[in-house]
Amino acid sequence: MKIRAIALALVMILTPTTKAAANPCSAVLCMFGMIAGGGNAGQCASSTSEFFSIQVWNWWGFDPVSTAIARRAFLNGCGGGVGGQIDNIIAVFGEVP
């Protein structure tokens, strides 16, 4: 019983979590705007904050590869053929803590 509780606690700690998901399409537009040099306008603050709040940590600390995977999954929620933009966003910001 104690081992199950510890295992469940570890799974909960190591599983990436996000808040109620913001609009991933808004995040794609704002993040791509940052890459293109448009900066981070005030209306993009919640979208970029949502993106950067997706972080995966493991026993050794911040896991950049898993974080990039989780962030890509969030952005892929937009769909609509924005794959190239998502690749660019992840290349620049995917592994940033």
PDB file of N, CA and C in Angstrom:
ATOM      1  N   MET A   1       0.823  -1.201   0.000  1.00  0.00           N
ATOM      2  CA  MET A   1       0.000   0.000   0.000  1.00  0.00           C
ATOM      3  C   MET A   1       0.869   1.267   0.000  1.00  0.00           C
ATOM      4  N   LYS A   2       1.905   1.256   0.824  1.00  0.00           N
ATOM      5  CA  LYS A   2       2.789   2.413   0.903  1.00  0.00           C
ATOM      6  C   LYS A   2       3.530   2.611  -0.415  1.00  0.00           C
ATOM      7  N   ILE A   3       3.931   1.513  -1.055  1.00  0.00           N
ATOM      8  CA  ILE A   3       4.637   1.609  -2.331  1.00  0.00           C
ATOM      9  C   ILE A   3       3.724   2.182  -3.402  1.00  0.00           C
ATOM     10  N   ARG A   4       2.450   1.780  -3.395  1.00  0.00           N
ATOM     11  CA  ARG A   4       1.493   2.338  -4.362  1.00  0.00           C
ATOM     12  C   ARG A   4       1.331   3.837  -4.177  1.00  0.00           C
ATOM     13  N   ALA A   5       1.251   4.262  -2.934  1.00  0.00           N
ATOM     14  CA  ALA A   5       1.089   5.694  -2.661  1.00  0.00           C
ATOM     15  C   ALA A   5       2.305   6.476  -3.143  1.00  0.00           C
ATOM     16  N   ILE A   6       3.484   5.925  -2.919  1.00  0.00           N
ATOM     17  CA  ILE A   6       4.707   6.589  -3.374  1.00  0.00           C
ATOM     18  C   ILE A   6       4.757   6.620  -4.893  1.00  0.00           C
ATOM     19  N   ALA A   7       4.401   5.490  -5.533  1.00  0.00           N
ATOM     20  CA  ALA A   7       4.399   5.436  -6.994  1.00  0.00           C
ATOM     21  C   ALA A   7       3.407   6.442  -7.570  1.00  0.00           C
ATOM     22  N   LEU A   8       2.212   6.538  -6.988  1.00  0.00           N
ATOM     23  CA  LEU A   8       1.214   7.495  -7.453  1.00  0.00           C
ATOM     24  C   LEU A   8       1.719   8.924  -7.290  1.00  0.00           C
ATOM     25  N   ALA A   9       2.353   9.208  -6.164  1.00  0.00           N
ATOM     26  CA  ALA A   9       2.896  10.547  -5.933  1.00  0.00           C
ATOM     27  C   ALA A   9       3.966  10.876  -6.973  1.00  0.00           C
ATOM     28  N   LEU A  10       4.834   9.914  -7.292  1.00  0.00           N
ATOM     29  CA  LEU A  10       5.865  10.150  -8.303  1.00  0.00           C
ATOM     30  C   LEU A  10       5.268  10.396  -9.673  1.00  0.00           C
ATOM     31  N   VAL A  11       4.253   9.629 -10.024  1.00  0.00           N
ATOM     32  CA  VAL A  11       3.597   9.829 -11.317  1.00  0.00           C
ATOM     33  C   VAL A  11       2.988  11.222 -11.391  1.00  0.00           C
ATOM     34  N   MET A  12       2.348  11.643 -10.323  1.00  0.00           N
ATOM     35  CA  MET A  12       1.726  12.967 -10.307  1.00  0.00           C
ATOM     36  C   MET A  12       2.771  14.074 -10.395  1.00  0.00           C
ATOM     37  N   ILE A  13       3.906  13.874  -9.762  1.00  0.00           N
ATOM     38  CA  ILE A  13       4.960  14.887  -9.779  1.00  0.00           C
ATOM     39  C   ILE A  13       5.618  14.954 -11.149  1.00  0.00           C
ATOM     40  N   LEU A  14       5.848  13.804 -11.767  1.00  0.00           N
ATOM     41  CA  LEU A  14       6.588  13.759 -13.016  1.00  0.00           C
ATOM     42  C   LEU A  14       5.747  13.970 -14.255  1.00  0.00           C
ATOM     43  N   THR A  15       4.425  13.963 -14.112  1.00  0.00           N
ATOM     44  CA  THR A  15       3.540  14.153 -15.253  1.00  0.00           C
ATOM     45  C   THR A  15       3.391  15.641 -15.535  1.00  0.00           C
ATOM     46  N   PRO A  16       3.603  16.042 -16.797  1.00  0.00           N
ATOM     47  CA  PRO A  16       3.438  17.467 -17.108  1.00  0.00           C
ATOM     48  C   PRO A  16       1.997  17.899 -16.900  1.00  0.00           C
ATOM     49  N   THR A  17       1.850  19.056 -16.343  1.00  0.00           N
ATOM     50  CA  THR A  17       0.511  19.572 -16.106  1.00  0.00           C
ATOM     51  C   THR A  17       0.377  20.937 -16.751  1.00  0.00           C
ATOM     52  N   THR A  18      -0.826  21.215 -17.159  1.00  0.00           N
ATOM     53  CA  THR A  18      -1.124  22.546 -17.660  1.00  0.00           C
ATOM     54  C   THR A  18      -2.397  23.012 -16.990  1.00  0.00           C
ATOM     55  N   LYS A  19      -2.545  24.306 -16.914  1.00  0.00           N
ATOM     56  CA  LYS A  19      -3.785  24.869 -16.400  1.00  0.00           C
ATOM     57  C   LYS A  19      -4.858  24.661 -17.457  1.00  0.00           C
ATOM     58  N   ALA A  20      -6.038  25.186 -17.186  1.00  0.00           N
ATOM     59  CA  ALA A  20      -7.075  25.128 -18.212  1.00  0.00           C
ATOM     60  C   ALA A  20      -6.470  25.713 -19.474  1.00  0.00           C
ATOM     61  N   ALA A  21      -6.440  24.921 -20.497  1.00  0.00           N
ATOM     62  CA  ALA A  21      -5.674  25.267 -21.686  1.00  0.00           C
ATOM     63  C   ALA A  21      -6.156  26.561 -22.324  1.00  0.00           C
ATOM     64  N   ALA A  22      -5.198  27.421 -22.569  1.00  0.00           N
ATOM     65  CA  ALA A  22      -5.483  28.622 -23.340  1.00  0.00           C
ATOM     66  C   ALA A  22      -5.665  28.186 -24.790  1.00  0.00           C
ATOM     67  N   ASN A  23      -6.051  29.092 -25.611  1.00  0.00           N
ATOM     68  CA  ASN A  23      -6.243  28.780 -27.018  1.00  0.00           C
ATOM     69  C   ASN A  23      -4.876  28.520 -27.653  1.00  0.00           C
ATOM     70  N   PRO A  24      -4.617  27.277 -28.088  1.00  0.00           N
ATOM     71  CA  PRO A  24      -3.308  26.993 -28.672  1.00  0.00           C
ATOM     72  C   PRO A  24      -3.051  27.788 -29.950  1.00  0.00           C
ATOM     73  N   CYS A  25      -4.088  28.123 -30.699  1.00  0.00           N
ATOM     74  CA  CYS A  25      -3.891  28.917 -31.919  1.00  0.00           C
ATOM     75  C   CYS A  25      -3.403  30.323 -31.580  1.00  0.00           C
ATOM     76  N   SER A  26      -3.911  30.880 -30.507  1.00  0.00           N
ATOM     77  CA  SER A  26      -3.455  32.182 -30.054  1.00  0.00           C
ATOM     78  C   SER A  26      -1.984  32.102 -29.657  1.00  0.00           C
ATOM     79  N   ALA A  27      -1.612  31.018 -28.982  1.00  0.00           N
ATOM     80  CA  ALA A  27      -0.218  30.837 -28.583  1.00  0.00           C
ATOM     81  C   ALA A  27       0.680  30.709 -29.811  1.00  0.00           C
ATOM     82  N   VAL A  28       0.231  29.965 -30.826  1.00  0.00           N
ATOM     83  CA  VAL A  28       1.021  29.818 -32.057  1.00  0.00           C
ATOM     84  C   VAL A  28       1.248  31.183 -32.694  1.00  0.00           C
ATOM     85  N   LEU A  29       0.194  31.976 -32.820  1.00  0.00           N
ATOM     86  CA  LEU A  29       0.329  33.299 -33.445  1.00  0.00           C
ATOM     87  C   LEU A  29       1.269  34.201 -32.659  1.00  0.00           C
ATOM     88  N   CYS A  30       1.098  34.215 -31.345  1.00  0.00           N
ATOM     89  CA  CYS A  30       1.930  35.089 -30.515  1.00  0.00           C
ATOM     90  C   CYS A  30       3.390  34.635 -30.503  1.00  0.00           C
ATOM     91  N   MET A  31       3.615  33.336 -30.362  1.00  0.00           N
ATOM     92  CA  MET A  31       4.976  32.828 -30.314  1.00  0.00           C
ATOM     93  C   MET A  31       5.673  33.025 -31.668  1.00  0.00           C
ATOM     94  N   PHE A  32       4.941  32.808 -32.756  1.00  0.00           N
ATOM     95  CA  PHE A  32       5.545  33.016 -34.071  1.00  0.00           C
ATOM     96  C   PHE A  32       5.842  34.498 -34.287  1.00  0.00           C
ATOM     97  N   GLY A  33       4.977  35.364 -33.763  1.00  0.00           N
ATOM     98  CA  GLY A  33       5.233  36.802 -33.824  1.00  0.00           C
ATOM     99  C   GLY A  33       6.504  37.178 -33.087  1.00  0.00           C
ATOM    100  N   MET A  34       6.774  36.506 -31.968  1.00  0.00           N
ATOM    101  CA  MET A  34       8.004  36.767 -31.225  1.00  0.00           C
ATOM    102  C   MET A  34       9.227  36.379 -32.059  1.00  0.00           C
ATOM    103  N   ILE A  35       9.120  35.265 -32.781  1.00  0.00           N
ATOM    104  CA  ILE A  35      10.236  34.818 -33.622  1.00  0.00           C
ATOM    105  C   ILE A  35      10.452  35.798 -34.780  1.00  0.00           C
ATOM    106  N   ALA A  36       9.355  36.267 -35.342  1.00  0.00           N
ATOM    107  CA  ALA A  36       9.433  37.158 -36.497  1.00  0.00           C
ATOM    108  C   ALA A  36       9.854  38.577 -36.117  1.00  0.00           C
ATOM    109  N   GLY A  37      10.014  38.839 -34.826  1.00  0.00           N
ATOM    110  CA  GLY A  37      10.483  40.141 -34.386  1.00  0.00           C
ATOM    111  C   GLY A  37       9.382  41.078 -33.958  1.00  0.00           C
ATOM    112  N   GLY A  38       8.167  40.561 -33.824  1.00  0.00           N
ATOM    113  CA  GLY A  38       7.049  41.393 -33.424  1.00  0.00           C
ATOM    114  C   GLY A  38       6.989  41.671 -31.945  1.00  0.00           C
ATOM    115  N   GLY A  39       7.859  41.051 -31.164  1.00  0.00           N
ATOM    116  CA  GLY A  39       7.842  41.258 -29.727  1.00  0.00           C
ATOM    117  C   GLY A  39       6.711  40.495 -29.075  1.00  0.00           C
ATOM    118  N   ASN A  40       6.432  40.845 -27.841  1.00  0.00           N
ATOM    119  CA  ASN A  40       5.370  40.199 -27.077  1.00  0.00           C
ATOM    120  C   ASN A  40       4.397  41.272 -26.626  1.00  0.00           C
ATOM    121  N   ALA A  41       3.429  41.555 -27.450  1.00  0.00           N
ATOM    122  CA  ALA A  41       2.439  42.587 -27.132  1.00  0.00           C
ATOM    123  C   ALA A  41       1.604  42.174 -25.926  1.00  0.00           C
ATOM    124  N   GLY A  42       0.958  43.128 -25.304  1.00  0.00           N
ATOM    125  CA  GLY A  42       0.172  42.871 -24.099  1.00  0.00           C
ATOM    126  C   GLY A  42      -0.889  41.810 -24.273  1.00  0.00           C
ATOM    127  N   GLN A  43      -1.521  41.764 -25.430  1.00  0.00           N
ATOM    128  CA  GLN A  43      -2.589  40.779 -25.636  1.00  0.00           C
ATOM    129  C   GLN A  43      -2.029  39.365 -25.763  1.00  0.00           C
ATOM    130  N   CYS A  44      -0.730  39.225 -25.902  1.00  0.00           N
ATOM    131  CA  CYS A  44      -0.104  37.905 -26.022  1.00  0.00           C
ATOM    132  C   CYS A  44       0.411  37.377 -24.683  1.00  0.00           C
ATOM    133  N   ALA A  45       0.344  38.179 -23.652  1.00  0.00           N
ATOM    134  CA  ALA A  45       0.938  37.791 -22.377  1.00  0.00           C
ATOM    135  C   ALA A  45       0.376  36.484 -21.838  1.00  0.00           C
ATOM    136  N   SER A  46      -0.930  36.297 -21.882  1.00  0.00           N
ATOM    137  CA  SER A  46      -1.499  35.068 -21.327  1.00  0.00           C
ATOM    138  C   SER A  46      -1.148  33.851 -22.179  1.00  0.00           C
ATOM    139  N   SER A  47      -1.094  34.026 -23.493  1.00  0.00           N
ATOM    140  CA  SER A  47      -0.756  32.904 -24.377  1.00  0.00           C
ATOM    141  C   SER A  47       0.692  32.469 -24.214  1.00  0.00           C
ATOM    142  N   THR A  48       1.596  33.434 -24.161  1.00  0.00           N
ATOM    143  CA  THR A  48       3.001  33.071 -24.000  1.00  0.00           C
ATOM    144  C   THR A  48       3.260  32.543 -22.593  1.00  0.00           C
ATOM    145  N   SER A  49       2.558  33.093 -21.619  1.00  0.00           N
ATOM    146  CA  SER A  49       2.687  32.598 -20.256  1.00  0.00           C
ATOM    147  C   SER A  49       2.230  31.149 -20.166  1.00  0.00           C
ATOM    148  N   GLU A  50       1.131  30.832 -20.832  1.00  0.00           N
ATOM    149  CA  GLU A  50       0.623  29.460 -20.856  1.00  0.00           C
ATOM    150  C   GLU A  50       1.658  28.526 -21.482  1.00  0.00           C
ATOM    151  N   PHE A  51       2.246  28.938 -22.596  1.00  0.00           N
ATOM    152  CA  PHE A  51       3.254  28.131 -23.273  1.00  0.00           C
ATOM    153  C   PHE A  51       4.447  27.872 -22.354  1.00  0.00           C
ATOM    154  N   PHE A  52       4.991  28.924 -21.756  1.00  0.00           N
ATOM    155  CA  PHE A  52       6.182  28.768 -20.925  1.00  0.00           C
ATOM    156  C   PHE A  52       5.884  28.103 -19.582  1.00  0.00           C
ATOM    157  N   SER A  53       4.616  28.060 -19.183  1.00  0.00           N
ATOM    158  CA  SER A  53       4.288  27.371 -17.934  1.00  0.00           C
ATOM    159  C   SER A  53       4.318  25.854 -18.106  1.00  0.00           C
ATOM    160  N   ILE A  54       4.335  25.389 -19.336  1.00  0.00           N
ATOM    161  CA  ILE A  54       4.434  23.952 -19.590  1.00  0.00           C
ATOM    162  C   ILE A  54       5.896  23.569 -19.414  1.00  0.00           C
ATOM    163  N   GLN A  55       6.181  22.919 -18.306  1.00  0.00           N
ATOM    164  CA  GLN A  55       7.542  22.486 -17.991  1.00  0.00           C
ATOM    165  C   GLN A  55       7.483  21.084 -17.420  1.00  0.00           C
ATOM    166  N   VAL A  56       8.430  20.260 -17.813  1.00  0.00           N
ATOM    167  CA  VAL A  56       8.524  18.902 -17.292  1.00  0.00           C
ATOM    168  C   VAL A  56       9.794  18.799 -16.463  1.00  0.00           C
ATOM    169  N   TRP A  57       9.623  18.294 -15.269  1.00  0.00           N
ATOM    170  CA  TRP A  57      10.734  18.107 -14.347  1.00  0.00           C
ATOM    171  C   TRP A  57      10.833  16.630 -14.022  1.00  0.00           C
ATOM    172  N   ASN A  58      12.039  16.157 -13.853  1.00  0.00           N
ATOM    173  CA  ASN A  58      12.222  14.779 -13.427  1.00  0.00           C
ATOM    174  C   ASN A  58      13.093  14.775 -12.174  1.00  0.00           C
ATOM    175  N   TRP A  59      13.543  13.626 -11.802  1.00  0.00           N
ATOM    176  CA  TRP A  59      14.330  13.468 -10.579  1.00  0.00           C
ATOM    177  C   TRP A  59      15.564  14.368 -10.571  1.00  0.00           C
ATOM    178  N   TRP A  60      16.167  14.588 -11.739  1.00  0.00           N
ATOM    179  CA  TRP A  60      17.403  15.344 -11.839  1.00  0.00           C
ATOM    180  C   TRP A  60      17.172  16.831 -12.084  1.00  0.00           C
ATOM    181  N   GLY A  61      15.961  17.242 -12.310  1.00  0.00           N
ATOM    182  CA  GLY A  61      15.675  18.654 -12.537  1.00  0.00           C
ATOM    183  C   GLY A  61      14.867  18.865 -13.814  1.00  0.00           C
ATOM    184  N   PHE A  62      15.016  20.020 -14.387  1.00  0.00           N
ATOM    185  CA  PHE A  62      14.288  20.398 -15.589  1.00  0.00           C
ATOM    186  C   PHE A  62      14.662  19.463 -16.731  1.00  0.00           C
ATOM    187  N   ASP A  63      13.643  18.949 -17.443  1.00  0.00           N
ATOM    188  CA  ASP A  63      13.859  18.038 -18.565  1.00  0.00           C
ATOM    189  C   ASP A  63      13.510  18.780 -19.856  1.00  0.00           C
ATOM    190  N   PRO A  64      14.510  19.335 -20.556  1.00  0.00           N
ATOM    191  CA  PRO A  64      14.230  20.155 -21.732  1.00  0.00           C
ATOM    192  C   PRO A  64      13.593  19.388 -22.881  1.00  0.00           C
ATOM    193  N   VAL A  65      13.998  18.149 -23.107  1.00  0.00           N
ATOM    194  CA  VAL A  65      13.450  17.376 -24.222  1.00  0.00           C
ATOM    195  C   VAL A  65      11.975  17.069 -23.988  1.00  0.00           C
ATOM    196  N   SER A  66      11.632  16.606 -22.790  1.00  0.00           N
ATOM    197  CA  SER A  66      10.227  16.310 -22.482  1.00  0.00           C
ATOM    198  C   SER A  66       9.385  17.579 -22.453  1.00  0.00           C
ATOM    199  N   THR A  67       9.988  18.683 -22.034  1.00  0.00           N
ATOM    200  CA  THR A  67       9.283  19.959 -22.048  1.00  0.00           C
ATOM    201  C   THR A  67       8.943  20.356 -23.483  1.00  0.00           C
ATOM    202  N   ALA A  68       9.901  20.207 -24.394  1.00  0.00           N
ATOM    203  CA  ALA A  68       9.651  20.541 -25.802  1.00  0.00           C
ATOM    204  C   ALA A  68       8.548  19.655 -26.375  1.00  0.00           C
ATOM    205  N   ILE A  69       8.533  18.388 -26.005  1.00  0.00           N
ATOM    206  CA  ILE A  69       7.491  17.472 -26.479  1.00  0.00           C
ATOM    207  C   ILE A  69       6.125  17.900 -25.963  1.00  0.00           C
ATOM    208  N   ALA A  70       6.043  18.249 -24.681  1.00  0.00           N
ATOM    209  CA  ALA A  70       4.767  18.673 -24.094  1.00  0.00           C
ATOM    210  C   ALA A  70       4.295  19.993 -24.700  1.00  0.00           C
ATOM    211  N   ARG A  71       5.221  20.901 -24.935  1.00  0.00           N
ATOM    212  CA  ARG A  71       4.853  22.182 -25.547  1.00  0.00           C
ATOM    213  C   ARG A  71       4.383  21.990 -26.982  1.00  0.00           C
ATOM    214  N   ARG A  72       5.034  21.081 -27.715  1.00  0.00           N
ATOM    215  CA  ARG A  72       4.600  20.783 -29.083  1.00  0.00           C
ATOM    216  C   ARG A  72       3.186  20.209 -29.073  1.00  0.00           C
ATOM    217  N   ALA A  73       2.904  19.328 -28.126  1.00  0.00           N
ATOM    218  CA  ALA A  73       1.563  18.740 -28.032  1.00  0.00           C
ATOM    219  C   ALA A  73       0.513  19.819 -27.792  1.00  0.00           C
ATOM    220  N   PHE A  74       0.838  20.789 -26.940  1.00  0.00           N
ATOM    221  CA  PHE A  74      -0.080  21.901 -26.685  1.00  0.00           C
ATOM    222  C   PHE A  74      -0.327  22.694 -27.967  1.00  0.00           C
ATOM    223  N   LEU A  75       0.738  23.065 -28.672  1.00  0.00           N
ATOM    224  CA  LEU A  75       0.596  23.865 -29.891  1.00  0.00           C
ATOM    225  C   LEU A  75      -0.094  23.084 -31.004  1.00  0.00           C
ATOM    226  N   ASN A  76       0.099  21.776 -31.054  1.00  0.00           N
ATOM    227  CA  ASN A  76      -0.557  20.956 -32.071  1.00  0.00           C
ATOM    228  C   ASN A  76      -2.071  20.934 -31.902  1.00  0.00           C
ATOM    229  N   GLY A  77      -2.556  21.380 -30.757  1.00  0.00           N
ATOM    230  CA  GLY A  77      -3.996  21.493 -30.542  1.00  0.00           C
ATOM    231  C   GLY A  77      -4.633  22.524 -31.461  1.00  0.00           C
ATOM    232  N   CYS A  78      -3.828  23.345 -32.091  1.00  0.00           N
ATOM    233  CA  CYS A  78      -4.354  24.352 -33.014  1.00  0.00           C
ATOM    234  C   CYS A  78      -4.765  23.725 -34.337  1.00  0.00           C
ATOM    235  N   GLY A  79      -3.950  22.812 -34.857  1.00  0.00           N
ATOM    236  CA  GLY A  79      -4.255  22.208 -36.158  1.00  0.00           C
ATOM    237  C   GLY A  79      -4.155  23.244 -37.256  1.00  0.00           C
ATOM    238  N   GLY A  80      -4.929  23.098 -38.295  1.00  0.00           N
ATOM    239  CA  GLY A  80      -5.010  24.096 -39.353  1.00  0.00           C
ATOM    240  C   GLY A  80      -3.753  24.275 -40.183  1.00  0.00           C
ATOM    241  N   GLY A  81      -2.895  23.264 -40.247  1.00  0.00           N
ATOM    242  CA  GLY A  81      -1.731  23.347 -41.119  1.00  0.00           C
ATOM    243  C   GLY A  81      -0.678  24.329 -40.669  1.00  0.00           C
ATOM    244  N   VAL A  82      -0.468  24.464 -39.376  1.00  0.00           N
ATOM    245  CA  VAL A  82       0.547  25.391 -38.872  1.00  0.00           C
ATOM    246  C   VAL A  82       1.809  24.641 -38.437  1.00  0.00           C
ATOM    247  N   GLY A  83       1.993  23.427 -38.949  1.00  0.00           N
ATOM    248  CA  GLY A  83       3.118  22.589 -38.539  1.00  0.00           C
ATOM    249  C   GLY A  83       4.472  23.245 -38.699  1.00  0.00           C
ATOM    250  N   GLY A  84       4.682  23.961 -39.795  1.00  0.00           N
ATOM    251  CA  GLY A  84       5.962  24.631 -40.014  1.00  0.00           C
ATOM    252  C   GLY A  84       6.239  25.697 -38.976  1.00  0.00           C
ATOM    253  N   GLN A  85       5.205  26.443 -38.624  1.00  0.00           N
ATOM    254  CA  GLN A  85       5.371  27.464 -37.595  1.00  0.00           C
ATOM    255  C   GLN A  85       5.658  26.820 -36.238  1.00  0.00           C
ATOM    256  N   ILE A  86       4.969  25.713 -35.949  1.00  0.00           N
ATOM    257  CA  ILE A  86       5.186  25.025 -34.673  1.00  0.00           C
ATOM    258  C   ILE A  86       6.617  24.509 -34.598  1.00  0.00           C
ATOM    259  N   ASP A  87       7.126  23.964 -35.699  1.00  0.00           N
ATOM    260  CA  ASP A  87       8.515  23.497 -35.718  1.00  0.00           C
ATOM    261  C   ASP A  87       9.477  24.633 -35.393  1.00  0.00           C
ATOM    262  N   ASN A  88       9.233  25.815 -35.974  1.00  0.00           N
ATOM    263  CA  ASN A  88      10.086  26.975 -35.709  1.00  0.00           C
ATOM    264  C   ASN A  88       9.994  27.415 -34.252  1.00  0.00           C
ATOM    265  N   ILE A  89       8.784  27.425 -33.717  1.00  0.00           N
ATOM    266  CA  ILE A  89       8.578  27.839 -32.323  1.00  0.00           C
ATOM    267  C   ILE A  89       9.311  26.892 -31.380  1.00  0.00           C
ATOM    268  N   ILE A  90       9.160  25.604 -31.607  1.00  0.00           N
ATOM    269  CA  ILE A  90       9.798  24.612 -30.740  1.00  0.00           C
ATOM    270  C   ILE A  90      11.322  24.683 -30.875  1.00  0.00           C
ATOM    271  N   ALA A  91      11.810  24.941 -32.082  1.00  0.00           N
ATOM    272  CA  ALA A  91      13.254  25.054 -32.283  1.00  0.00           C
ATOM    273  C   ALA A  91      13.842  26.210 -31.460  1.00  0.00           C
ATOM    274  N   VAL A  92      13.082  27.297 -31.338  1.00  0.00           N
ATOM    275  CA  VAL A  92      13.578  28.471 -30.628  1.00  0.00           C
ATOM    276  C   VAL A  92      13.258  28.413 -29.136  1.00  0.00           C
ATOM    277  N   PHE A  93      12.020  28.065 -28.787  1.00  0.00           N
ATOM    278  CA  PHE A  93      11.553  28.177 -27.401  1.00  0.00           C
ATOM    279  C   PHE A  93      11.207  26.845 -26.731  1.00  0.00           C
ATOM    280  N   GLY A  94      11.313  25.742 -27.437  1.00  0.00           N
ATOM    281  CA  GLY A  94      10.848  24.466 -26.898  1.00  0.00           C
ATOM    282  C   GLY A  94      11.547  24.005 -25.639  1.00  0.00           C
ATOM    283  N   GLU A  95      12.848  24.224 -25.540  1.00  0.00           N
ATOM    284  CA  GLU A  95      13.614  23.720 -24.413  1.00  0.00           C
ATOM    285  C   GLU A  95      13.993  24.802 -23.404  1.00  0.00           C
ATOM    286  N   VAL A  96      13.410  25.973 -23.537  1.00  0.00           N
ATOM    287  CA  VAL A  96      13.693  27.076 -22.613  1.00  0.00           C
ATOM    288  C   VAL A  96      12.916  26.848 -21.319  1.00  0.00           C
ATOM    289  N   PRO A  97      13.617  26.900 -20.173  1.00  0.00           N
ATOM    290  CA  PRO A  97      12.879  26.703 -18.892  1.00  0.00           C
ATOM    291  C   PRO A  97      11.942  27.840 -18.576  1.00  0.00           C
TER     292      PRO A  97
END
